């Protein structure tokens, strides 16, 4: 759905968009339990580089290995590469006027880009982060039309940011992970708060407003730094009685109103998407969605069999300052075990 969820919610993951969205958890479904909620995201180019890297290990001659390393870097000059794996296992439930979500978050994000090897850019830029901790969110229905939400996240993080010359890559190629941890990383802890509200109309429209990561995660000089953002959204959803269309949802979000990321590009801060529930039963669910995220199309499909659900998604991140400058198309797989 292009990540448009500020005014929708309805599951335990609403704490990452708007904690007031927890109020839309269906009370009739009992507890929402995700034992495993694993997500893997990668750029297509990362898969090709990984294959070349495995072949590199088979070359025994040192000079030949160095030449092959240069070939790999040359073929990927200027290309964006990203690999991310995360898990948010949680329990969520709605009880009367309240709803809550409590879970554990783990996220590993690694990005790198090769250069021509001359000047200050060196040959390879590596930036990444490891974040883990606990998340708790709570919503309260003030009235049938107004819901309020609050969340707290306690997170430990490790930030990595390093520029490599060819000589440095050759010197540390057998223990580059140890080098990054010992010489190019910064670690710490952060406690941040989220606030949100939802206002519902009688015509199935919802307005949402959220302030996320109040206090900021990390330090502004870190690669990991995540500032506070204020976000707003508009949503529409309706239950339908068609044989192959049970529910329809639409979301439109505008992120970081106060420009904490220092960017004013309208497309880069906009998210829009729609989702349709085609079939839903005790044993099987099928959903699909499309949208625009930072000016680039998104598309996804959710399939559930009993307690196992798989989601397949494509989206793009904008690496440049404005939408359309330097996009990075990515592919995501989410595997969930729970109910």
C-alpha atoms as a PDB file:
ATOM      1  CA  UNK A   1       0.000   0.000   0.000  1.00  0.00           C
ATOM      2  CA  UNK A   2       2.950   2.348  -0.384  1.00  0.00           C
ATOM      3  CA  UNK A   3       3.367   2.368   3.402  1.00  0.00           C
ATOM      4  CA  UNK A   4       0.211   4.475   3.875  1.00  0.00           C
ATOM      5  CA  UNK A   5      -0.971   3.469   7.351  1.00  0.00           C
ATOM      6  CA  UNK A   6      -1.136   6.587   9.557  1.00  0.00           C
ATOM      7  CA  UNK A   7      -4.951   6.645   9.449  1.00  0.00           C
ATOM      8  CA  UNK A   8      -5.601   2.896   9.116  1.00  0.00           C
ATOM      9  CA  UNK A   9      -3.925   0.666  11.719  1.00  0.00           C
ATOM     10  CA  UNK A  10      -5.828  -2.415  12.775  1.00  0.00           C
ATOM     11  CA  UNK A  11      -2.886  -4.592  13.845  1.00  0.00           C
ATOM     12  CA  UNK A  12      -0.049  -4.637  16.364  1.00  0.00           C
ATOM     13  CA  UNK A  13       2.326  -3.052  13.837  1.00  0.00           C
ATOM     14  CA  UNK A  14       0.353   0.211  14.034  1.00  0.00           C
ATOM     15  CA  UNK A  15       2.858   1.385  16.670  1.00  0.00           C
ATOM     16  CA  UNK A  16       5.305   2.169  13.831  1.00  0.00           C
ATOM     17  CA  UNK A  17       2.824   4.480  12.064  1.00  0.00           C
ATOM     18  CA  UNK A  18       0.350   5.765  14.636  1.00  0.00           C
ATOM     19  CA  UNK A  19      -0.257   4.125  18.041  1.00  0.00           C
ATOM     20  CA  UNK A  20      -3.892   5.273  17.918  1.00  0.00           C
ATOM     21  CA  UNK A  21      -4.305   2.826  15.021  1.00  0.00           C
ATOM     22  CA  UNK A  22      -4.297   0.016  17.593  1.00  0.00           C
ATOM     23  CA  UNK A  23      -7.887   1.039  18.323  1.00  0.00           C
ATOM     24  CA  UNK A  24      -8.920  -0.522  14.986  1.00  0.00           C
ATOM     25  CA  UNK A  25      -7.921  -4.021  16.121  1.00  0.00           C
ATOM     26  CA  UNK A  26     -10.973  -6.272  15.756  1.00  0.00           C
ATOM     27  CA  UNK A  27     -12.138  -7.184  19.280  1.00  0.00           C
ATOM     28  CA  UNK A  28     -14.003 -10.236  17.945  1.00  0.00           C
ATOM     29  CA  UNK A  29     -10.779 -11.890  16.700  1.00  0.00           C
ATOM     30  CA  UNK A  30      -9.254 -12.313  20.166  1.00  0.00           C
ATOM     31  CA  UNK A  31      -5.502 -11.851  20.641  1.00  0.00           C
ATOM     32  CA  UNK A  32      -3.199 -11.212  17.703  1.00  0.00           C
ATOM     33  CA  UNK A  33      -0.060 -13.305  18.275  1.00  0.00           C
ATOM     34  CA  UNK A  34       2.956 -13.262  15.948  1.00  0.00           C
ATOM     35  CA  UNK A  35       5.493 -15.851  17.090  1.00  0.00           C
ATOM     36  CA  UNK A  36       7.663 -15.112  14.060  1.00  0.00           C
ATOM     37  CA  UNK A  37       7.308 -11.967  11.951  1.00  0.00           C
ATOM     38  CA  UNK A  38      10.434 -12.070   9.787  1.00  0.00           C
ATOM     39  CA  UNK A  39      11.098  -9.668   6.903  1.00  0.00           C
ATOM     40  CA  UNK A  40      13.891  -9.870   4.328  1.00  0.00           C
ATOM     41  CA  UNK A  41      14.499  -7.043   1.853  1.00  0.00           C
ATOM     42  CA  UNK A  42      17.220  -6.764  -0.782  1.00  0.00           C
ATOM     43  CA  UNK A  43      18.222  -4.944  -3.946  1.00  0.00           C
ATOM     44  CA  UNK A  44      18.508  -7.076  -7.068  1.00  0.00           C
ATOM     45  CA  UNK A  45      22.113  -5.994  -7.457  1.00  0.00           C
ATOM     46  CA  UNK A  46      22.992  -7.397  -4.023  1.00  0.00           C
ATOM     47  CA  UNK A  47      22.142 -10.902  -5.221  1.00  0.00           C
ATOM     48  CA  UNK A  48      24.523 -10.566  -8.167  1.00  0.00           C
ATOM     49  CA  UNK A  49      27.336  -9.224  -5.968  1.00  0.00           C
ATOM     50  CA  UNK A  50      26.779 -12.049  -3.466  1.00  0.00           C
ATOM     51  CA  UNK A  51      27.170 -14.611  -6.242  1.00  0.00           C
ATOM     52  CA  UNK A  52      30.392 -12.955  -7.428  1.00  0.00           C
ATOM     53  CA  UNK A  53      31.659 -12.864  -3.846  1.00  0.00           C
ATOM     54  CA  UNK A  54      31.209 -16.612  -3.463  1.00  0.00           C
ATOM     55  CA  UNK A  55      33.099 -17.209  -6.707  1.00  0.00           C
ATOM     56  CA  UNK A  56      35.879 -14.949  -5.423  1.00  0.00           C
ATOM     57  CA  UNK A  57      36.580 -17.358  -2.567  1.00  0.00           C
ATOM     58  CA  UNK A  58      37.444 -20.096  -5.069  1.00  0.00           C
ATOM     59  CA  UNK A  59      40.322 -18.100  -6.562  1.00  0.00           C
ATOM     60  CA  UNK A  60      43.526 -19.094  -4.749  1.00  0.00           C
ATOM     61  CA  UNK A  61      46.030 -16.814  -6.506  1.00  0.00           C
ATOM     62  CA  UNK A  62      46.186 -13.491  -4.650  1.00  0.00           C
ATOM     63  CA  UNK A  63      46.856 -11.352  -7.739  1.00  0.00           C
ATOM     64  CA  UNK A  64      43.959 -12.957  -9.591  1.00  0.00           C
ATOM     65  CA  UNK A  65      41.687 -12.389  -6.592  1.00  0.00           C
ATOM     66  CA  UNK A  66      42.622  -8.692  -6.509  1.00  0.00           C
ATOM     67  CA  UNK A  67      41.908  -8.336 -10.238  1.00  0.00           C
ATOM     68  CA  UNK A  68      38.544 -10.074  -9.783  1.00  0.00           C
ATOM     69  CA  UNK A  69      37.744  -7.768  -6.878  1.00  0.00           C
ATOM     70  CA  UNK A  70      38.453  -4.754  -9.091  1.00  0.00           C
ATOM     71  CA  UNK A  71      36.232  -6.202 -11.834  1.00  0.00           C
ATOM     72  CA  UNK A  72      33.327  -6.621  -9.402  1.00  0.00           C
ATOM     73  CA  UNK A  73      33.757  -3.056  -8.126  1.00  0.00           C
ATOM     74  CA  UNK A  74      34.009  -1.645 -11.674  1.00  0.00           C
ATOM     75  CA  UNK A  75      30.828  -3.394 -12.840  1.00  0.00           C
ATOM     76  CA  UNK A  76      28.896  -1.955  -9.905  1.00  0.00           C
ATOM     77  CA  UNK A  77      30.192   1.619  -9.871  1.00  0.00           C
ATOM     78  CA  UNK A  78      27.511   4.015  -8.662  1.00  0.00           C
ATOM     79  CA  UNK A  79      24.890   1.317  -8.104  1.00  0.00           C
ATOM     80  CA  UNK A  80      22.939   1.360  -4.838  1.00  0.00           C
ATOM     81  CA  UNK A  81      22.934  -1.835  -2.818  1.00  0.00           C
ATOM     82  CA  UNK A  82      20.894  -2.623   0.263  1.00  0.00           C
ATOM     83  CA  UNK A  83      20.193  -5.651   2.414  1.00  0.00           C
ATOM     84  CA  UNK A  84      17.817  -5.609   5.389  1.00  0.00           C
ATOM     85  CA  UNK A  85      16.468  -8.273   7.719  1.00  0.00           C
ATOM     86  CA  UNK A  86      14.121  -7.621  10.621  1.00  0.00           C
ATOM     87  CA  UNK A  87      11.727  -9.286  13.013  1.00  0.00           C
ATOM     88  CA  UNK A  88       8.930  -7.828  15.105  1.00  0.00           C
ATOM     89  CA  UNK A  89       7.294 -10.580  17.126  1.00  0.00           C
ATOM     90  CA  UNK A  90       4.410  -9.303  19.212  1.00  0.00           C
ATOM     91  CA  UNK A  91       1.110  -9.789  21.000  1.00  0.00           C
ATOM     92  CA  UNK A  92      -1.771  -7.364  20.441  1.00  0.00           C
ATOM     93  CA  UNK A  93      -5.307  -7.301  21.756  1.00  0.00           C
ATOM     94  CA  UNK A  94      -8.299  -5.008  22.080  1.00  0.00           C
ATOM     95  CA  UNK A  95     -10.318  -4.982  25.316  1.00  0.00           C
ATOM     96  CA  UNK A  96     -13.333  -2.665  25.607  1.00  0.00           C
ATOM     97  CA  UNK A  97     -12.086   0.889  25.024  1.00  0.00           C
ATOM     98  CA  UNK A  98      -8.418  -0.104  25.130  1.00  0.00           C
ATOM     99  CA  UNK A  99      -6.042  -1.901  22.765  1.00  0.00           C
ATOM    100  CA  UNK A 100      -2.356  -2.691  23.211  1.00  0.00           C
ATOM    101  CA  UNK A 101       0.654  -4.136  21.428  1.00  0.00           C
ATOM    102  CA  UNK A 102       3.841  -5.409  23.059  1.00  0.00           C
ATOM    103  CA  UNK A 103       6.741  -6.936  21.167  1.00  0.00           C
ATOM    104  CA  UNK A 104      10.451  -7.331  20.496  1.00  0.00           C
ATOM    105  CA  UNK A 105      12.131  -5.638  17.526  1.00  0.00           C
ATOM    106  CA  UNK A 106      15.352  -6.639  15.753  1.00  0.00           C
ATOM    107  CA  UNK A 107      16.573  -4.892  12.596  1.00  0.00           C
ATOM    108  CA  UNK A 108      19.799  -5.199  10.581  1.00  0.00           C
ATOM    109  CA  UNK A 109      20.235  -2.775   7.672  1.00  0.00           C
ATOM    110  CA  UNK A 110      23.319  -2.649   5.416  1.00  0.00           C
ATOM    111  CA  UNK A 111      23.873  -0.383   2.418  1.00  0.00           C
ATOM    112  CA  UNK A 112      26.940   0.015   0.199  1.00  0.00           C
ATOM    113  CA  UNK A 113      28.023   1.685  -3.052  1.00  0.00           C
ATOM    114  CA  UNK A 114      31.190   1.312  -5.131  1.00  0.00           C
ATOM    115  CA  UNK A 115      33.113   4.210  -6.718  1.00  0.00           C
ATOM    116  CA  UNK A 116      35.886   4.558  -9.259  1.00  0.00           C
ATOM    117  CA  UNK A 117      38.483   4.459  -6.496  1.00  0.00           C
ATOM    118  CA  UNK A 118      39.950   7.932  -6.977  1.00  0.00           C
ATOM    119  CA  UNK A 119      39.540  10.960  -4.753  1.00  0.00           C
ATOM    120  CA  UNK A 120      37.817  11.226  -1.371  1.00  0.00           C
ATOM    121  CA  UNK A 121      35.103   8.675  -2.240  1.00  0.00           C
ATOM    122  CA  UNK A 122      37.604   5.823  -2.256  1.00  0.00           C
ATOM    123  CA  UNK A 123      36.402   2.526  -3.702  1.00  0.00           C
ATOM    124  CA  UNK A 124      33.560   1.475  -1.404  1.00  0.00           C
ATOM    125  CA  UNK A 125      31.162   3.209   1.006  1.00  0.00           C
ATOM    126  CA  UNK A 126      29.518   1.039   3.662  1.00  0.00           C
ATOM    127  CA  UNK A 127      26.788   2.261   5.992  1.00  0.00           C
ATOM    128  CA  UNK A 128      24.558   0.215   8.214  1.00  0.00           C
ATOM    129  CA  UNK A 129      22.853  -0.253  11.527  1.00  0.00           C
ATOM    130  CA  UNK A 130      21.732  -2.902  13.976  1.00  0.00           C
ATOM    131  CA  UNK A 131      18.760  -1.986  16.175  1.00  0.00           C
ATOM    132  CA  UNK A 132      17.016  -4.114  18.788  1.00  0.00           C
ATOM    133  CA  UNK A 133      14.741  -3.639  21.769  1.00  0.00           C
ATOM    134  CA  UNK A 134      11.239  -3.629  23.166  1.00  0.00           C
ATOM    135  CA  UNK A 135       8.091  -1.859  21.962  1.00  0.00           C
ATOM    136  CA  UNK A 136       4.844  -1.163  23.824  1.00  0.00           C
ATOM    137  CA  UNK A 137       1.830   0.715  22.506  1.00  0.00           C
ATOM    138  CA  UNK A 138      -1.586   1.547  23.969  1.00  0.00           C
ATOM    139  CA  UNK A 139      -4.698   3.152  22.493  1.00  0.00           C
ATOM    140  CA  UNK A 140      -7.846   4.471  24.148  1.00  0.00           C
ATOM    141  CA  UNK A 141     -11.207   5.166  22.525  1.00  0.00           C
ATOM    142  CA  UNK A 142     -12.139   8.551  23.957  1.00  0.00           C
ATOM    143  CA  UNK A 143     -15.415   8.414  22.056  1.00  0.00           C
ATOM    144  CA  UNK A 144     -16.844   6.471  19.103  1.00  0.00           C
ATOM    145  CA  UNK A 145     -15.202   8.996  16.782  1.00  0.00           C
ATOM    146  CA  UNK A 146     -11.912   9.801  18.577  1.00  0.00           C
ATOM    147  CA  UNK A 147      -9.064   7.473  19.622  1.00  0.00           C
ATOM    148  CA  UNK A 148      -5.796   8.424  21.285  1.00  0.00           C
ATOM    149  CA  UNK A 149      -2.568   6.437  21.353  1.00  0.00           C
ATOM    150  CA  UNK A 150       0.844   6.376  23.002  1.00  0.00           C
ATOM    151  CA  UNK A 151       3.858   4.107  22.556  1.00  0.00           C
ATOM    152  CA  UNK A 152       7.344   3.697  23.984  1.00  0.00           C
ATOM    153  CA  UNK A 153      10.375   2.057  22.388  1.00  0.00           C
ATOM    154  CA  UNK A 154      13.553   1.140  24.265  1.00  0.00           C
ATOM    155  CA  UNK A 155      16.234   0.409  21.672  1.00  0.00           C
ATOM    156  CA  UNK A 156      19.902  -0.507  21.570  1.00  0.00           C
ATOM    157  CA  UNK A 157      21.697   0.356  18.352  1.00  0.00           C
ATOM    158  CA  UNK A 158      25.004  -0.071  16.554  1.00  0.00           C
ATOM    159  CA  UNK A 159      25.877   2.366  13.755  1.00  0.00           C
ATOM    160  CA  UNK A 160      28.452   1.599  11.043  1.00  0.00           C
ATOM    161  CA  UNK A 161      29.801   4.093   8.495  1.00  0.00           C
ATOM    162  CA  UNK A 162      33.109   3.610   6.647  1.00  0.00           C
ATOM    163  CA  UNK A 163      34.825   4.560   3.395  1.00  0.00           C
ATOM    164  CA  UNK A 164      37.232   1.958   1.981  1.00  0.00           C
ATOM    165  CA  UNK A 165      40.171   2.384  -0.368  1.00  0.00           C
ATOM    166  CA  UNK A 166      41.314  -0.607  -2.418  1.00  0.00           C
ATOM    167  CA  UNK A 167      44.337  -1.106  -0.147  1.00  0.00           C
ATOM    168  CA  UNK A 168      42.129  -1.200   2.933  1.00  0.00           C
ATOM    169  CA  UNK A 169      39.774  -3.744   1.333  1.00  0.00           C
ATOM    170  CA  UNK A 170      42.701  -6.008   0.421  1.00  0.00           C
ATOM    171  CA  UNK A 171      44.219  -5.659   3.895  1.00  0.00           C
ATOM    172  CA  UNK A 172      41.023  -6.504   5.802  1.00  0.00           C
ATOM    173  CA  UNK A 173      39.168  -8.686   3.274  1.00  0.00           C
ATOM    174  CA  UNK A 174      39.383 -11.809   5.483  1.00  0.00           C
ATOM    175  CA  UNK A 175      38.059 -10.088   8.611  1.00  0.00           C
ATOM    176  CA  UNK A 176      36.213  -7.033   7.304  1.00  0.00           C
ATOM    177  CA  UNK A 177      33.336  -7.600   9.755  1.00  0.00           C
ATOM    178  CA  UNK A 178      35.703  -7.395  12.736  1.00  0.00           C
ATOM    179  CA  UNK A 179      37.286  -4.242  11.325  1.00  0.00           C
ATOM    180  CA  UNK A 180      33.896  -2.539  10.965  1.00  0.00           C
ATOM    181  CA  UNK A 181      32.862  -3.393  14.530  1.00  0.00           C
ATOM    182  CA  UNK A 182      36.189  -2.346  16.068  1.00  0.00           C
ATOM    183  CA  UNK A 183      37.006   0.754  14.011  1.00  0.00           C
ATOM    184  CA  UNK A 184      33.944   2.096  12.215  1.00  0.00           C
ATOM    185  CA  UNK A 185      31.047   1.681  14.616  1.00  0.00           C
ATOM    186  CA  UNK A 186      29.244   3.577  17.341  1.00  0.00           C
ATOM    187  CA  UNK A 187      26.763   2.068  19.792  1.00  0.00           C
ATOM    188  CA  UNK A 188      24.249   3.363  22.307  1.00  0.00           C
ATOM    189  CA  UNK A 189      20.695   3.191  23.630  1.00  0.00           C
ATOM    190  CA  UNK A 190      17.655   5.375  23.056  1.00  0.00           C
ATOM    191  CA  UNK A 191      14.194   5.607  24.589  1.00  0.00           C
ATOM    192  CA  UNK A 192      11.631   7.284  22.344  1.00  0.00           C
ATOM    193  CA  UNK A 193       7.906   7.983  22.590  1.00  0.00           C
ATOM    194  CA  UNK A 194       5.113   8.072  20.031  1.00  0.00           C
ATOM    195  CA  UNK A 195       1.792   9.909  20.200  1.00  0.00           C
ATOM    196  CA  UNK A 196      -1.186   9.684  17.884  1.00  0.00           C
ATOM    197  CA  UNK A 197      -4.864  10.219  17.303  1.00  0.00           C
ATOM    198  CA  UNK A 198      -7.576   8.972  14.952  1.00  0.00           C
ATOM    199  CA  UNK A 199     -10.776  10.806  14.138  1.00  0.00           C
ATOM    200  CA  UNK A 200     -13.506   8.833  12.400  1.00  0.00           C
ATOM    201  CA  UNK A 201     -16.399  10.131  10.336  1.00  0.00           C
ATOM    202  CA  UNK A 202     -19.739   8.428   9.781  1.00  0.00           C
ATOM    203  CA  UNK A 203     -18.917   7.969   6.079  1.00  0.00           C
ATOM    204  CA  UNK A 204     -16.040   5.475   6.656  1.00  0.00           C
ATOM    205  CA  UNK A 205     -13.312   8.120   6.405  1.00  0.00           C
ATOM    206  CA  UNK A 206     -10.593   8.430   9.047  1.00  0.00           C
ATOM    207  CA  UNK A 207      -8.100  11.197   9.741  1.00  0.00           C
ATOM    208  CA  UNK A 208      -4.853  10.336  11.501  1.00  0.00           C
ATOM    209  CA  UNK A 209      -2.050  12.348  13.101  1.00  0.00           C
ATOM    210  CA  UNK A 210       1.084  10.945  14.716  1.00  0.00           C
ATOM    211  CA  UNK A 211       4.342  12.130  16.267  1.00  0.00           C
ATOM    212  CA  UNK A 212       6.869   9.296  16.096  1.00  0.00           C
ATOM    213  CA  UNK A 213      10.271   8.742  17.754  1.00  0.00           C
ATOM    214  CA  UNK A 214      10.049  11.780  20.011  1.00  0.00           C
ATOM    215  CA  UNK A 215      13.576  12.283  21.355  1.00  0.00           C
ATOM    216  CA  UNK A 216      15.271  10.703  18.327  1.00  0.00           C
ATOM    217  CA  UNK A 217      17.053   7.368  17.973  1.00  0.00           C
ATOM    218  CA  UNK A 218      20.844   7.698  18.147  1.00  0.00           C
ATOM    219  CA  UNK A 219      22.877  10.846  17.590  1.00  0.00           C
ATOM    220  CA  UNK A 220      22.590  13.220  14.646  1.00  0.00           C
ATOM    221  CA  UNK A 221      26.159  12.405  13.577  1.00  0.00           C
ATOM    222  CA  UNK A 222      25.358   8.668  13.333  1.00  0.00           C
ATOM    223  CA  UNK A 223      24.352   6.801  10.202  1.00  0.00           C
ATOM    224  CA  UNK A 224      21.491   5.313  12.219  1.00  0.00           C
ATOM    225  CA  UNK A 225      19.973   8.572  13.421  1.00  0.00           C
ATOM    226  CA  UNK A 226      16.178   8.553  13.225  1.00  0.00           C
ATOM    227  CA  UNK A 227      14.633  11.930  14.107  1.00  0.00           C
ATOM    228  CA  UNK A 228      11.175  12.733  15.403  1.00  0.00           C
ATOM    229  CA  UNK A 229       8.598  13.034  12.637  1.00  0.00           C
ATOM    230  CA  UNK A 230       5.074  14.444  12.580  1.00  0.00           C
ATOM    231  CA  UNK A 231       2.816  12.698  10.086  1.00  0.00           C
ATOM    232  CA  UNK A 232      -0.777  12.916   8.913  1.00  0.00           C
ATOM    233  CA  UNK A 233      -3.017  10.590   6.962  1.00  0.00           C
ATOM    234  CA  UNK A 234      -6.426  10.144   5.409  1.00  0.00           C
ATOM    235  CA  UNK A 235      -8.048   6.717   5.005  1.00  0.00           C
ATOM    236  CA  UNK A 236     -11.194   5.111   3.703  1.00  0.00           C
ATOM    237  CA  UNK A 237     -12.268   1.520   4.255  1.00  0.00           C
ATOM    238  CA  UNK A 238     -15.436  -0.409   3.605  1.00  0.00           C
ATOM    239  CA  UNK A 239     -16.670  -3.974   4.006  1.00  0.00           C
ATOM    240  CA  UNK A 240     -18.204  -5.439   0.859  1.00  0.00           C
ATOM    241  CA  UNK A 241     -20.386  -8.458   0.167  1.00  0.00           C
ATOM    242  CA  UNK A 242     -19.005  -9.463  -3.222  1.00  0.00           C
ATOM    243  CA  UNK A 243     -17.951 -13.060  -3.719  1.00  0.00           C
ATOM    244  CA  UNK A 244     -14.322 -12.212  -4.539  1.00  0.00           C
ATOM    245  CA  UNK A 245     -13.992  -8.847  -2.789  1.00  0.00           C
ATOM    246  CA  UNK A 246     -14.631  -8.752   0.952  1.00  0.00           C
ATOM    247  CA  UNK A 247     -12.959  -5.521   2.020  1.00  0.00           C
ATOM    248  CA  UNK A 248     -11.441  -2.416   0.472  1.00  0.00           C
ATOM    249  CA  UNK A 249      -8.954  -0.013   2.122  1.00  0.00           C
ATOM    250  CA  UNK A 250      -7.363   3.213   0.893  1.00  0.00           C
ATOM    251  CA  UNK A 251      -4.696   5.354   2.540  1.00  0.00           C
ATOM    252  CA  UNK A 252      -3.012   8.687   1.795  1.00  0.00           C
ATOM    253  CA  UNK A 253      -0.166   9.873   4.051  1.00  0.00           C
ATOM    254  CA  UNK A 254       2.140  12.868   4.195  1.00  0.00           C
ATOM    255  CA  UNK A 255       5.259  12.145   6.269  1.00  0.00           C
ATOM    256  CA  UNK A 256       7.609  14.435   8.194  1.00  0.00           C
ATOM    257  CA  UNK A 257       5.529  17.610   8.046  1.00  0.00           C
ATOM    258  CA  UNK A 258       8.143  19.639   9.931  1.00  0.00           C
ATOM    259  CA  UNK A 259      10.985  18.425   7.643  1.00  0.00           C
ATOM    260  CA  UNK A 260      13.175  16.908  10.354  1.00  0.00           C
ATOM    261  CA  UNK A 261      15.010  14.986   7.621  1.00  0.00           C
ATOM    262  CA  UNK A 262      15.752  18.317   5.908  1.00  0.00           C
ATOM    263  CA  UNK A 263      13.786  17.470   2.783  1.00  0.00           C
ATOM    264  CA  UNK A 264      10.832  19.360   1.330  1.00  0.00           C
ATOM    265  CA  UNK A 265      10.193  17.274  -1.808  1.00  0.00           C
ATOM    266  CA  UNK A 266       6.444  16.586  -1.880  1.00  0.00           C
ATOM    267  CA  UNK A 267       6.611  13.244  -3.709  1.00  0.00           C
ATOM    268  CA  UNK A 268       9.375  11.885  -1.485  1.00  0.00           C
ATOM    269  CA  UNK A 269       7.247  12.535   1.594  1.00  0.00           C
ATOM    270  CA  UNK A 270       3.972  11.196   0.166  1.00  0.00           C
ATOM    271  CA  UNK A 271       2.555   7.692   0.436  1.00  0.00           C
ATOM    272  CA  UNK A 272      -0.620   6.468  -1.207  1.00  0.00           C
ATOM    273  CA  UNK A 273      -2.044   2.984  -1.561  1.00  0.00           C
ATOM    274  CA  UNK A 274      -5.032   0.718  -1.780  1.00  0.00           C
ATOM    275  CA  UNK A 275      -5.596  -2.840  -0.561  1.00  0.00           C
ATOM    276  CA  UNK A 276      -8.295  -5.398  -1.326  1.00  0.00           C
ATOM    277  CA  UNK A 277      -9.263  -8.483   0.658  1.00  0.00           C
ATOM    278  CA  UNK A 278     -10.265 -11.026  -1.988  1.00  0.00           C
ATOM    279  CA  UNK A 279     -10.974 -14.062   0.182  1.00  0.00           C
ATOM    280  CA  UNK A 280     -10.960 -14.780   3.904  1.00  0.00           C
ATOM    281  CA  UNK A 281     -11.762 -17.959   5.819  1.00  0.00           C
ATOM    282  CA  UNK A 282     -10.454 -19.833   8.844  1.00  0.00           C
ATOM    283  CA  UNK A 283      -7.812 -21.623   6.777  1.00  0.00           C
ATOM    284  CA  UNK A 284      -7.067 -19.279   3.876  1.00  0.00           C
ATOM    285  CA  UNK A 285      -6.741 -15.531   3.231  1.00  0.00           C
ATOM    286  CA  UNK A 286      -5.760 -13.696   0.049  1.00  0.00           C
ATOM    287  CA  UNK A 287      -5.038  -9.943  -0.117  1.00  0.00           C
ATOM    288  CA  UNK A 288      -3.386  -7.677  -2.660  1.00  0.00           C
ATOM    289  CA  UNK A 289      -2.312  -4.064  -2.762  1.00  0.00           C
ATOM    290  CA  UNK A 290      -0.690  -1.382  -4.923  1.00  0.00           C
ATOM    291  CA  UNK A 291       0.546   2.103  -4.180  1.00  0.00           C
ATOM    292  CA  UNK A 292       3.091   4.874  -4.542  1.00  0.00           C
ATOM    293  CA  UNK A 293       5.961   5.244  -2.053  1.00  0.00           C
ATOM    294  CA  UNK A 294       8.237   8.275  -2.420  1.00  0.00           C
ATOM    295  CA  UNK A 295       7.031   8.643  -5.991  1.00  0.00           C
ATOM    296  CA  UNK A 296       7.674   5.018  -7.020  1.00  0.00           C
ATOM    297  CA  UNK A 297       5.163   2.218  -7.499  1.00  0.00           C
ATOM    298  CA  UNK A 298       4.677  -0.539  -4.961  1.00  0.00           C
ATOM    299  CA  UNK A 299       2.825  -3.832  -5.297  1.00  0.00           C
ATOM    300  CA  UNK A 300       2.293  -6.769  -2.987  1.00  0.00           C
ATOM    301  CA  UNK A 301       0.408  -9.978  -2.338  1.00  0.00           C
ATOM    302  CA  UNK A 302      -0.462 -11.621   1.017  1.00  0.00           C
ATOM    303  CA  UNK A 303      -1.278 -15.324   1.237  1.00  0.00           C
ATOM    304  CA  UNK A 304      -2.197 -17.086   4.490  1.00  0.00           C
ATOM    305  CA  UNK A 305      -2.613 -20.807   5.114  1.00  0.00           C
ATOM    306  CA  UNK A 306      -3.781 -21.490   8.685  1.00  0.00           C
ATOM    307  CA  UNK A 307      -1.105 -19.903  10.943  1.00  0.00           C
ATOM    308  CA  UNK A 308       1.496 -19.298   8.200  1.00  0.00           C
ATOM    309  CA  UNK A 309       1.388 -16.107   6.126  1.00  0.00           C
ATOM    310  CA  UNK A 310       3.745 -14.976   3.359  1.00  0.00           C
ATOM    311  CA  UNK A 311       3.863 -11.522   1.791  1.00  0.00           C
ATOM    312  CA  UNK A 312       5.676 -10.619  -1.421  1.00  0.00           C
ATOM    313  CA  UNK A 313       6.347  -6.920  -2.083  1.00  0.00           C
ATOM    314  CA  UNK A 314       8.291  -4.693  -4.448  1.00  0.00           C
ATOM    315  CA  UNK A 315       9.043  -1.054  -3.631  1.00  0.00           C
ATOM    316  CA  UNK A 316      11.783   1.544  -4.155  1.00  0.00           C
ATOM    317  CA  UNK A 317      13.724   3.837  -1.856  1.00  0.00           C
ATOM    318  CA  UNK A 318      14.872   7.261  -3.018  1.00  0.00           C
ATOM    319  CA  UNK A 319      18.569   7.669  -2.194  1.00  0.00           C
ATOM    320  CA  UNK A 320      18.771  11.167  -3.668  1.00  0.00           C
ATOM    321  CA  UNK A 321      17.391  14.455  -2.375  1.00  0.00           C
ATOM    322  CA  UNK A 322      14.261  14.549  -4.549  1.00  0.00           C
ATOM    323  CA  UNK A 323      12.009  11.843  -5.970  1.00  0.00           C
ATOM    324  CA  UNK A 324      13.288  10.400  -9.243  1.00  0.00           C
ATOM    325  CA  UNK A 325      16.923  11.381  -8.694  1.00  0.00           C
ATOM    326  CA  UNK A 326      18.511   8.101  -7.542  1.00  0.00           C
ATOM    327  CA  UNK A 327      16.041   5.294  -6.859  1.00  0.00           C
ATOM    328  CA  UNK A 328      16.844   1.821  -5.543  1.00  0.00           C
ATOM    329  CA  UNK A 329      14.291  -0.868  -6.467  1.00  0.00           C
ATOM    330  CA  UNK A 330      13.948  -3.507  -3.739  1.00  0.00           C
ATOM    331  CA  UNK A 331      12.142  -6.790  -3.202  1.00  0.00           C
ATOM    332  CA  UNK A 332      10.723  -7.900   0.126  1.00  0.00           C
ATOM    333  CA  UNK A 333       9.566 -11.190   1.598  1.00  0.00           C
ATOM    334  CA  UNK A 334       7.696 -11.327   4.912  1.00  0.00           C
ATOM    335  CA  UNK A 335       7.056 -14.621   6.688  1.00  0.00           C
ATOM    336  CA  UNK A 336       4.704 -14.715   9.651  1.00  0.00           C
ATOM    337  CA  UNK A 337       3.802 -17.601  11.942  1.00  0.00           C
ATOM    338  CA  UNK A 338       0.972 -16.807  14.317  1.00  0.00           C
ATOM    339  CA  UNK A 339      -2.673 -15.919  14.454  1.00  0.00           C
END
